[in-house]
């Protein structure tokens, strides 16, 4: 499983490109994305914006390249400094019982 870290909103598009490259190479989506929590932003609005934008823009980008399968995602507190997003195609999600 590939791990991608997003520390700033500016890193979002590179991360989406990386996920699309992974899909094109392996024909599957099994990615863990770590989104940094901003220490100066008490309600983590920037991190939440990154997560929301990532999911929406990734969905649009996948549909544009012809991806028709479902994507399961789990959002969780990875650590004190990161949120985690687990992105899985439907086959992998079924195999893991998610």
C-alpha atoms as a PDB file:
ATOM      1  CA  UNK A   1       0.000   0.000   0.000  1.00  0.00           C
ATOM      2  CA  UNK A   2       1.311   3.389  -1.018  1.00  0.00           C
ATOM      3  CA  UNK A   3       1.495   6.172   1.591  1.00  0.00           C
ATOM      4  CA  UNK A   4       1.156   9.801   0.510  1.00  0.00           C
ATOM      5  CA  UNK A   5       1.585  12.799   2.791  1.00  0.00           C
ATOM      6  CA  UNK A   6      -0.118  16.152   2.255  1.00  0.00           C
ATOM      7  CA  UNK A   7       1.207  18.953   4.422  1.00  0.00           C
ATOM      8  CA  UNK A   8      -0.282  21.945   2.575  1.00  0.00           C
ATOM      9  CA  UNK A   9      -3.162  22.648   0.225  1.00  0.00           C
ATOM     10  CA  UNK A  10      -0.588  23.274  -2.521  1.00  0.00           C
ATOM     11  CA  UNK A  11       0.466  19.589  -2.301  1.00  0.00           C
ATOM     12  CA  UNK A  12      -3.037  18.389  -3.163  1.00  0.00           C
ATOM     13  CA  UNK A  13      -2.723  18.225  -6.964  1.00  0.00           C
ATOM     14  CA  UNK A  14       0.604  16.370  -6.850  1.00  0.00           C
ATOM     15  CA  UNK A  15      -1.014  13.835  -4.526  1.00  0.00           C
ATOM     16  CA  UNK A  16      -3.963  13.349  -6.883  1.00  0.00           C
ATOM     17  CA  UNK A  17      -1.552  12.865  -9.796  1.00  0.00           C
ATOM     18  CA  UNK A  18       0.339  10.264  -7.745  1.00  0.00           C
ATOM     19  CA  UNK A  19      -2.872   8.362  -6.945  1.00  0.00           C
ATOM     20  CA  UNK A  20      -3.874   8.413 -10.634  1.00  0.00           C
ATOM     21  CA  UNK A  21      -0.410   7.127 -11.598  1.00  0.00           C
ATOM     22  CA  UNK A  22      -0.753   4.300  -9.054  1.00  0.00           C
ATOM     23  CA  UNK A  23      -4.120   3.362 -10.530  1.00  0.00           C
ATOM     24  CA  UNK A  24      -2.793   3.428 -14.091  1.00  0.00           C
ATOM     25  CA  UNK A  25       0.215   1.282 -13.151  1.00  0.00           C
ATOM     26  CA  UNK A  26      -1.496  -1.288 -10.903  1.00  0.00           C
ATOM     27  CA  UNK A  27      -5.146  -1.025 -12.026  1.00  0.00           C
ATOM     28  CA  UNK A  28      -6.162  -0.810  -8.369  1.00  0.00           C
ATOM     29  CA  UNK A  29      -6.473   1.815  -5.649  1.00  0.00           C
ATOM     30  CA  UNK A  30      -4.890   1.014  -2.289  1.00  0.00           C
ATOM     31  CA  UNK A  31      -3.583   4.244  -0.831  1.00  0.00           C
ATOM     32  CA  UNK A  32      -3.140   5.726   2.627  1.00  0.00           C
ATOM     33  CA  UNK A  33      -3.099   9.522   2.622  1.00  0.00           C
ATOM     34  CA  UNK A  34      -1.785  11.401   5.646  1.00  0.00           C
ATOM     35  CA  UNK A  35      -3.008  14.984   5.995  1.00  0.00           C
ATOM     36  CA  UNK A  36      -1.075  17.186   8.408  1.00  0.00           C
ATOM     37  CA  UNK A  37      -2.998  18.897  11.184  1.00  0.00           C
ATOM     38  CA  UNK A  38      -2.082  22.563  11.432  1.00  0.00           C
ATOM     39  CA  UNK A  39      -0.853  23.353  14.939  1.00  0.00           C
ATOM     40  CA  UNK A  40      -1.935  26.982  14.623  1.00  0.00           C
ATOM     41  CA  UNK A  41      -5.432  26.142  13.353  1.00  0.00           C
ATOM     42  CA  UNK A  42      -7.307  24.952  16.437  1.00  0.00           C
ATOM     43  CA  UNK A  43     -10.387  23.611  14.636  1.00  0.00           C
ATOM     44  CA  UNK A  44      -8.283  22.109  11.799  1.00  0.00           C
ATOM     45  CA  UNK A  45     -10.365  23.837   9.147  1.00  0.00           C
ATOM     46  CA  UNK A  46      -7.438  23.791   6.706  1.00  0.00           C
ATOM     47  CA  UNK A  47      -6.917  20.048   7.153  1.00  0.00           C
ATOM     48  CA  UNK A  48     -10.622  19.367   6.782  1.00  0.00           C
ATOM     49  CA  UNK A  49     -10.666  21.478   3.626  1.00  0.00           C
ATOM     50  CA  UNK A  50      -7.766  19.454   2.208  1.00  0.00           C
ATOM     51  CA  UNK A  51      -9.567  16.166   2.954  1.00  0.00           C
ATOM     52  CA  UNK A  52     -12.826  17.370   1.408  1.00  0.00           C
ATOM     53  CA  UNK A  53     -11.117  18.780  -1.681  1.00  0.00           C
ATOM     54  CA  UNK A  54      -8.985  15.641  -2.111  1.00  0.00           C
ATOM     55  CA  UNK A  55     -12.001  13.335  -2.123  1.00  0.00           C
ATOM     56  CA  UNK A  56     -14.011  15.510  -4.504  1.00  0.00           C
ATOM     57  CA  UNK A  57     -11.216  16.273  -6.970  1.00  0.00           C
ATOM     58  CA  UNK A  58      -9.944  12.674  -6.956  1.00  0.00           C
ATOM     59  CA  UNK A  59     -13.431  11.403  -7.745  1.00  0.00           C
ATOM     60  CA  UNK A  60     -13.730  13.821 -10.685  1.00  0.00           C
ATOM     61  CA  UNK A  61     -10.238  12.931 -11.980  1.00  0.00           C
ATOM     62  CA  UNK A  62     -10.937   9.181 -11.782  1.00  0.00           C
ATOM     63  CA  UNK A  63     -14.226   9.522 -13.641  1.00  0.00           C
ATOM     64  CA  UNK A  64     -12.461  11.514 -16.381  1.00  0.00           C
ATOM     65  CA  UNK A  65     -10.043   8.643 -17.036  1.00  0.00           C
ATOM     66  CA  UNK A  66     -12.862   6.100 -17.131  1.00  0.00           C
ATOM     67  CA  UNK A  67     -12.738   4.622 -13.631  1.00  0.00           C
ATOM     68  CA  UNK A  68     -16.204   3.213 -12.927  1.00  0.00           C
ATOM     69  CA  UNK A  69     -15.693   1.190  -9.751  1.00  0.00           C
ATOM     70  CA  UNK A  70     -16.608   2.353  -6.256  1.00  0.00           C
ATOM     71  CA  UNK A  71     -14.022   3.771  -3.898  1.00  0.00           C
ATOM     72  CA  UNK A  72     -14.290   3.223  -0.178  1.00  0.00           C
ATOM     73  CA  UNK A  73     -12.632   5.710   2.106  1.00  0.00           C
ATOM     74  CA  UNK A  74     -12.079   5.743   5.823  1.00  0.00           C
ATOM     75  CA  UNK A  75     -11.043   8.932   7.583  1.00  0.00           C
ATOM     76  CA  UNK A  76      -9.400   8.553  10.982  1.00  0.00           C
ATOM     77  CA  UNK A  77      -7.039  10.248  13.437  1.00  0.00           C
ATOM     78  CA  UNK A  78      -3.706   8.723  12.466  1.00  0.00           C
ATOM     79  CA  UNK A  79      -1.675  10.486  15.133  1.00  0.00           C
ATOM     80  CA  UNK A  80      -1.472  13.724  17.072  1.00  0.00           C
ATOM     81  CA  UNK A  81      -0.155  15.455  13.942  1.00  0.00           C
ATOM     82  CA  UNK A  82      -2.017  13.707  11.094  1.00  0.00           C
ATOM     83  CA  UNK A  83      -5.423  12.638   9.869  1.00  0.00           C
ATOM     84  CA  UNK A  84      -5.402   9.468   7.823  1.00  0.00           C
ATOM     85  CA  UNK A  85      -7.519   8.592   4.804  1.00  0.00           C
ATOM     86  CA  UNK A  86      -7.581   5.039   3.565  1.00  0.00           C
ATOM     87  CA  UNK A  87      -8.664   4.836  -0.103  1.00  0.00           C
ATOM     88  CA  UNK A  88      -9.611   1.384  -1.370  1.00  0.00           C
ATOM     89  CA  UNK A  89     -11.200   0.027  -4.515  1.00  0.00           C
ATOM     90  CA  UNK A  90     -14.283  -2.142  -3.961  1.00  0.00           C
ATOM     91  CA  UNK A  91     -12.414  -5.442  -4.461  1.00  0.00           C
ATOM     92  CA  UNK A  92      -9.793  -4.619  -1.829  1.00  0.00           C
ATOM     93  CA  UNK A  93     -12.455  -3.303   0.561  1.00  0.00           C
ATOM     94  CA  UNK A  94     -14.423  -6.575   0.222  1.00  0.00           C
ATOM     95  CA  UNK A  95     -11.277  -8.639   0.833  1.00  0.00           C
ATOM     96  CA  UNK A  96     -10.589  -6.660   4.001  1.00  0.00           C
ATOM     97  CA  UNK A  97     -14.216  -6.783   5.117  1.00  0.00           C
ATOM     98  CA  UNK A  98     -14.643  -3.009   5.026  1.00  0.00           C
END
